[in-house]
Amino acid sequence: MDLELKGKTALVTGSSRGIGRAIALGLAREGVKVCLSARGAEGLEAVASELRAAGADVALVAGDVATPEGAQAAVEMAVRSFGALDILVNNVGGSGGAGAFDVASAAQWKDVVDRNLLSTVWCSQHAVEHMKTRGGGCIVHINSIFGREYATSAPYTAAKAAVTALTKEMAVDLARHRIRVNGVAPGAIFFPGGSWDRRRQKDPEKVEKMVREEFPWGRFGTPEEVAEVVVFLCSERARWVTGATVPVDGAQGRAF
């Protein structure tokens, strides 16, 4: 199936590893010019080398998109490098180890909300201005199944639930500018160096028990399985899909 993405331009935040890296690679395979963004330059260079080896047109920018200044710099780098911005994938996030409502500190609340919600807001605001002049575009927020149901981290649940709501609001508000906005809600995704890798190293028996008893398919998901859904949502084949949050979780989540 031709996804009609060749020649499009994209910014993928948090793309130095894991889900963000897989999304960047997936878009590049479809002929998309990709601007990589993350806080660490070394990880970005490694992914950029992978993409260039595959013949992709790549740019990169190191910075913190959880700040308005960092988000603006990332968007401007994409536009400056490629002349336009058609696709934005907001992938930065994480729970930061924050726990339940009555134990999470003020610093943890700020960090988690900044990373998950406000990075999405700041990047989207700057990207939308360019997409309006372009005559349209596509934004995908990498959310979580815990944006729709209970999780043990109160700041993470609250921030991801806010992203779920923001997805619908943006989709309705930006339809007049021909900008589609969707969310993808992964379940537990495993990759080397990721949070589930660290948890498994710390307590392998507990993690294996969880996988066996709570995951219907008896395994973790992969970054590539998330990326394939994201790439589809960015394509013309999904042109009538907007305002949706799509679970990619192997039925791990229990929300309807």
Protein backbone atom coordinates (compact mmCIF):
# COMPACT_ATOMS: atom_id res chain seq x y z
CA MET A 1 0.00 0.00 0.00
CA ASP A 2 1.36 3.40 -0.99
CA LEU A 3 1.00 5.67 2.06
CA GLU A 4 1.68 8.76 -0.09
CA LEU A 5 4.25 10.09 2.36
CA LYS A 6 7.24 10.44 0.07
CA GLY A 7 8.66 13.97 0.19
CA LYS A 8 6.81 14.95 3.36
CA THR A 9 8.69 16.48 6.28
CA ALA A 10 8.46 15.51 9.95
CA LEU A 11 9.71 16.39 13.41
CA VAL A 12 9.83 13.51 15.90
CA THR A 13 10.59 14.46 19.50
CA GLY A 14 12.24 12.04 21.90
CA SER A 15 13.67 10.20 18.90
CA SER A 16 17.08 9.11 20.20
CA ARG A 17 15.82 5.67 21.27
CA GLY A 18 12.81 3.42 21.79
CA ILE A 19 9.46 4.39 20.31
CA GLY A 20 10.69 7.71 18.93
CA ARG A 21 13.60 6.07 17.12
CA ALA A 22 11.26 3.44 15.63
CA ILE A 23 8.85 6.15 14.43
CA ALA A 24 11.66 8.12 12.81
CA LEU A 25 12.91 4.99 11.03
CA GLY A 26 9.38 4.06 9.95
CA LEU A 27 8.71 7.50 8.47
CA ALA A 28 12.08 7.57 6.74
CA ARG A 29 11.37 4.22 5.08
CA GLU A 30 8.31 5.86 3.51
CA GLY A 31 10.43 8.65 2.06
CA VAL A 32 9.77 11.26 4.75
CA LYS A 33 12.47 13.82 5.59
CA VAL A 34 12.91 13.54 9.35
CA CYS A 35 14.17 16.00 11.95
CA LEU A 36 15.23 14.18 15.12
CA SER A 37 14.96 15.83 18.53
CA ALA A 38 16.04 14.81 22.04
CA ARG A 39 18.01 16.17 24.96
CA GLY A 40 21.16 14.13 24.26
CA ALA A 41 23.17 14.81 21.09
CA GLU A 42 25.05 11.49 21.19
CA GLY A 43 21.93 9.36 20.92
CA LEU A 44 20.57 11.55 18.14
CA GLU A 45 23.77 11.17 16.13
CA ALA A 46 23.51 7.39 16.34
CA VAL A 47 19.94 7.39 15.01
CA ALA A 48 20.83 9.96 12.36
CA SER A 49 23.62 7.67 11.14
CA GLU A 50 21.12 4.80 10.83
CA LEU A 51 18.76 6.94 8.79
CA ARG A 52 21.47 8.34 6.52
CA ALA A 53 22.81 4.85 5.88
CA ALA A 54 19.33 3.99 4.61
CA GLY A 55 19.39 7.00 2.28
CA ALA A 56 17.12 9.26 4.34
CA ASP A 57 17.24 13.06 4.48
CA VAL A 58 17.87 13.86 8.17
CA ALA A 59 18.32 16.84 10.47
CA LEU A 60 18.73 16.85 14.24
CA VAL A 61 18.44 19.23 17.15
CA ALA A 62 19.41 18.63 20.77
CA GLY A 63 17.34 20.43 23.39
CA ASP A 64 14.54 20.17 25.92
CA VAL A 65 11.13 20.51 24.25
CA ALA A 66 9.49 20.58 27.69
CA THR A 67 10.39 24.29 27.63
CA PRO A 68 8.81 26.79 25.21
CA GLU A 69 12.27 27.80 23.99
CA GLY A 70 13.39 24.23 23.33
CA ALA A 71 10.16 23.41 21.52
CA GLN A 72 10.45 26.46 19.31
CA ALA A 73 14.08 25.63 18.48
CA ALA A 74 13.12 22.07 17.45
CA VAL A 75 10.30 23.20 15.18
CA GLU A 76 12.40 25.95 13.63
CA MET A 77 15.24 23.51 12.92
CA ALA A 78 12.85 21.22 11.04
CA VAL A 79 11.45 24.10 8.99
CA ARG A 80 14.89 25.57 8.33
CA SER A 81 16.29 22.20 7.27
CA PHE A 82 13.46 21.12 4.97
CA GLY A 83 11.62 24.33 4.12
CA ALA A 84 8.32 23.14 5.62
CA LEU A 85 6.78 20.96 8.31
CA ASP A 86 4.02 18.49 7.43
CA ILE A 87 4.11 16.08 10.39
CA LEU A 88 4.78 16.46 14.11
CA VAL A 89 5.08 13.45 16.42
CA ASN A 90 5.11 14.41 20.11
CA ASN A 91 6.88 11.50 21.76
CA VAL A 92 8.56 13.00 24.84
CA GLY A 93 7.19 11.67 28.13
CA GLY A 94 7.68 9.35 31.09
CA SER A 95 6.58 9.00 34.70
CA GLY A 96 9.90 10.01 36.23
CA GLY A 97 9.35 7.55 39.05
CA ALA A 98 6.54 9.67 40.51
CA GLY A 99 4.12 7.70 42.66
CA ALA A 100 0.65 8.02 44.13
CA PHE A 101 -1.15 11.30 44.74
CA ASP A 102 -0.24 11.56 48.41
CA VAL A 103 3.47 10.87 47.96
CA ALA A 104 4.41 12.57 44.67
CA SER A 105 6.42 15.71 45.35
CA ALA A 106 5.88 19.16 43.86
CA ALA A 107 9.05 18.73 41.80
CA GLN A 108 7.79 15.39 40.44
CA TRP A 109 4.42 16.88 39.51
CA LYS A 110 6.10 19.71 37.61
CA ASP A 111 8.57 17.43 35.85
CA VAL A 112 5.95 14.90 34.71
CA VAL A 113 3.43 17.52 33.58
CA ASP A 114 6.14 19.47 31.75
CA ARG A 115 7.44 16.39 29.95
CA ASN A 116 4.16 14.75 29.01
CA LEU A 117 1.66 17.57 28.59
CA LEU A 118 3.49 20.86 28.13
CA SER A 119 6.09 19.50 25.70
CA THR A 120 3.11 18.48 23.56
CA VAL A 121 1.53 21.91 23.91
CA TRP A 122 4.68 23.93 23.15
CA CYS A 123 5.74 21.85 20.13
CA SER A 124 2.22 21.78 18.72
CA GLN A 125 1.73 25.54 19.07
CA HIS A 126 4.85 26.31 17.06
CA ALA A 127 4.22 23.56 14.50
CA VAL A 128 0.63 24.61 13.88
CA GLU A 129 1.68 28.09 12.80
CA HIS A 130 3.81 26.59 10.03
CA MET A 131 1.16 24.01 9.10
CA LYS A 132 -1.45 26.73 8.67
CA THR A 133 0.68 28.44 6.03
CA ARG A 134 1.30 25.03 4.46
CA GLY A 135 -2.44 24.45 4.10
CA GLY A 136 -2.61 21.51 6.46
CA GLY A 137 -0.65 18.92 8.38
CA CYS A 138 -0.74 16.03 10.80
CA ILE A 139 0.08 15.82 14.51
CA VAL A 140 0.33 12.60 16.50
CA HIS A 141 0.69 12.58 20.30
CA ILE A 142 2.30 9.48 21.81
CA ASN A 143 0.05 8.99 24.80
CA SER A 144 -0.48 5.92 27.01
CA ILE A 145 -3.24 3.51 27.94
CA PHE A 146 -2.94 5.23 31.33
CA GLY A 147 -4.37 8.36 29.79
CA ARG A 148 -7.70 6.47 29.85
CA GLU A 149 -7.51 4.38 33.03
CA TYR A 150 -5.84 3.98 36.42
CA ALA A 151 -2.07 3.90 36.89
CA THR A 152 -0.02 3.95 40.10
CA SER A 153 1.60 7.29 39.19
CA ALA A 154 -0.82 10.15 39.83
CA PRO A 155 1.16 12.82 37.91
CA TYR A 156 1.58 10.51 34.91
CA THR A 157 -2.10 9.51 34.85
CA ALA A 158 -3.21 13.14 35.12
CA ALA A 159 -0.81 14.37 32.45
CA LYS A 160 -1.68 11.60 29.99
CA ALA A 161 -5.42 12.06 30.58
CA ALA A 162 -4.90 15.72 29.75
CA VAL A 163 -3.17 14.75 26.50
CA THR A 164 -6.16 12.54 25.62
CA ALA A 165 -8.48 15.51 26.11
CA LEU A 166 -6.12 17.84 24.27
CA THR A 167 -6.07 15.51 21.28
CA LYS A 168 -9.83 15.86 20.79
CA GLU A 169 -9.84 19.62 21.42
CA MET A 170 -7.05 20.22 18.92
CA ALA A 171 -8.65 17.99 16.29
CA VAL A 172 -11.91 19.93 16.43
CA ASP A 173 -10.28 23.35 16.63
CA LEU A 174 -7.74 22.76 13.86
CA ALA A 175 -10.00 20.98 11.36
CA ARG A 176 -10.72 24.31 9.67
CA HIS A 177 -7.00 24.54 8.90
CA ARG A 178 -6.92 20.97 7.52
CA ILE A 179 -4.69 19.81 10.36
CA ARG A 180 -5.43 16.33 11.69
CA VAL A 181 -4.59 15.47 15.30
CA ASN A 182 -4.56 11.96 16.76
CA GLY A 183 -3.10 10.09 19.69
CA VAL A 184 -1.52 6.67 19.98
CA ALA A 185 -1.73 4.99 23.38
CA PRO A 186 0.87 2.25 23.85
CA GLY A 187 0.76 -0.30 26.62
CA ALA A 188 3.97 -1.77 28.07
CA ILE A 189 6.69 -1.50 25.42
CA PHE A 190 10.07 -3.15 25.88
CA PHE A 191 13.37 -1.98 24.41
CA PRO A 192 16.97 -2.07 25.67
CA GLY A 193 17.63 0.71 28.17
CA GLY A 194 13.93 1.50 28.56
CA SER A 195 11.94 1.62 31.79
CA TRP A 196 10.70 -1.97 31.45
CA ASP A 197 14.23 -3.18 30.80
CA ARG A 198 15.36 -1.51 34.04
CA ARG A 199 12.43 -2.96 35.97
CA ARG A 200 13.12 -6.43 34.66
CA GLN A 201 16.77 -6.21 35.64
CA LYS A 202 15.82 -5.05 39.12
CA ASP A 203 13.11 -7.68 39.78
CA PRO A 204 12.84 -10.20 36.92
CA GLU A 205 10.45 -12.53 38.74
CA LYS A 206 7.95 -9.76 39.47
CA VAL A 207 8.00 -8.53 35.87
CA GLU A 208 7.65 -12.02 34.41
CA LYS A 209 4.70 -12.69 36.73
CA MET A 210 3.05 -9.47 35.55
CA VAL A 211 3.58 -10.35 31.90
CA ARG A 212 2.20 -13.84 32.43
CA GLU A 213 -0.86 -12.82 34.44
CA GLU A 214 -1.80 -9.35 33.17
CA PHE A 215 -0.82 -9.23 29.49
CA PRO A 216 -3.32 -11.19 27.36
CA TRP A 217 -0.73 -12.00 24.67
CA GLY A 218 1.89 -12.95 27.25
CA ARG A 219 4.55 -10.51 26.04
CA PHE A 220 5.60 -6.89 25.82
CA GLY A 221 4.93 -4.79 22.78
CA THR A 222 7.76 -3.51 20.58
CA PRO A 223 8.58 0.05 19.48
CA GLU A 224 8.11 -1.02 15.87
CA GLU A 225 4.52 -2.12 16.54
CA VAL A 226 3.73 1.35 17.83
CA ALA A 227 5.62 3.04 15.01
CA GLU A 228 3.66 1.24 12.29
CA VAL A 229 0.39 2.64 13.62
CA VAL A 230 1.87 6.13 13.89
CA VAL A 231 3.15 6.05 10.32
CA PHE A 232 -0.29 5.00 9.08
CA LEU A 233 -1.97 7.82 11.00
CA CYS A 234 0.45 10.29 9.42
CA SER A 235 -0.50 9.11 5.93
CA GLU A 236 -3.22 10.01 3.48
CA ARG A 237 -4.70 6.56 4.07
CA ALA A 238 -5.86 7.90 7.46
CA ARG A 239 -7.16 11.20 6.09
CA TRP A 240 -10.59 10.78 7.78
CA VAL A 241 -9.13 9.80 11.15
CA THR A 242 -8.76 12.75 13.51
CA GLY A 243 -9.48 13.31 17.19
CA ALA A 244 -8.91 9.62 17.93
CA THR A 245 -6.66 8.02 20.52
CA VAL A 246 -5.71 4.56 19.29
CA PRO A 247 -4.59 1.92 21.82
CA VAL A 248 -1.59 -0.16 20.73
CA ASP A 249 -1.36 -2.47 23.70
CA GLY A 250 -2.19 -6.09 22.85
CA ALA A 251 -5.43 -5.69 24.90
CA GLN A 252 -3.42 -4.88 28.04
CA GLY A 253 -5.66 -1.91 28.84
CA ARG A 254 -9.10 -2.49 30.32
CA ALA A 255 -10.88 0.68 29.23
CA PHE A 256 -13.68 0.43 26.65
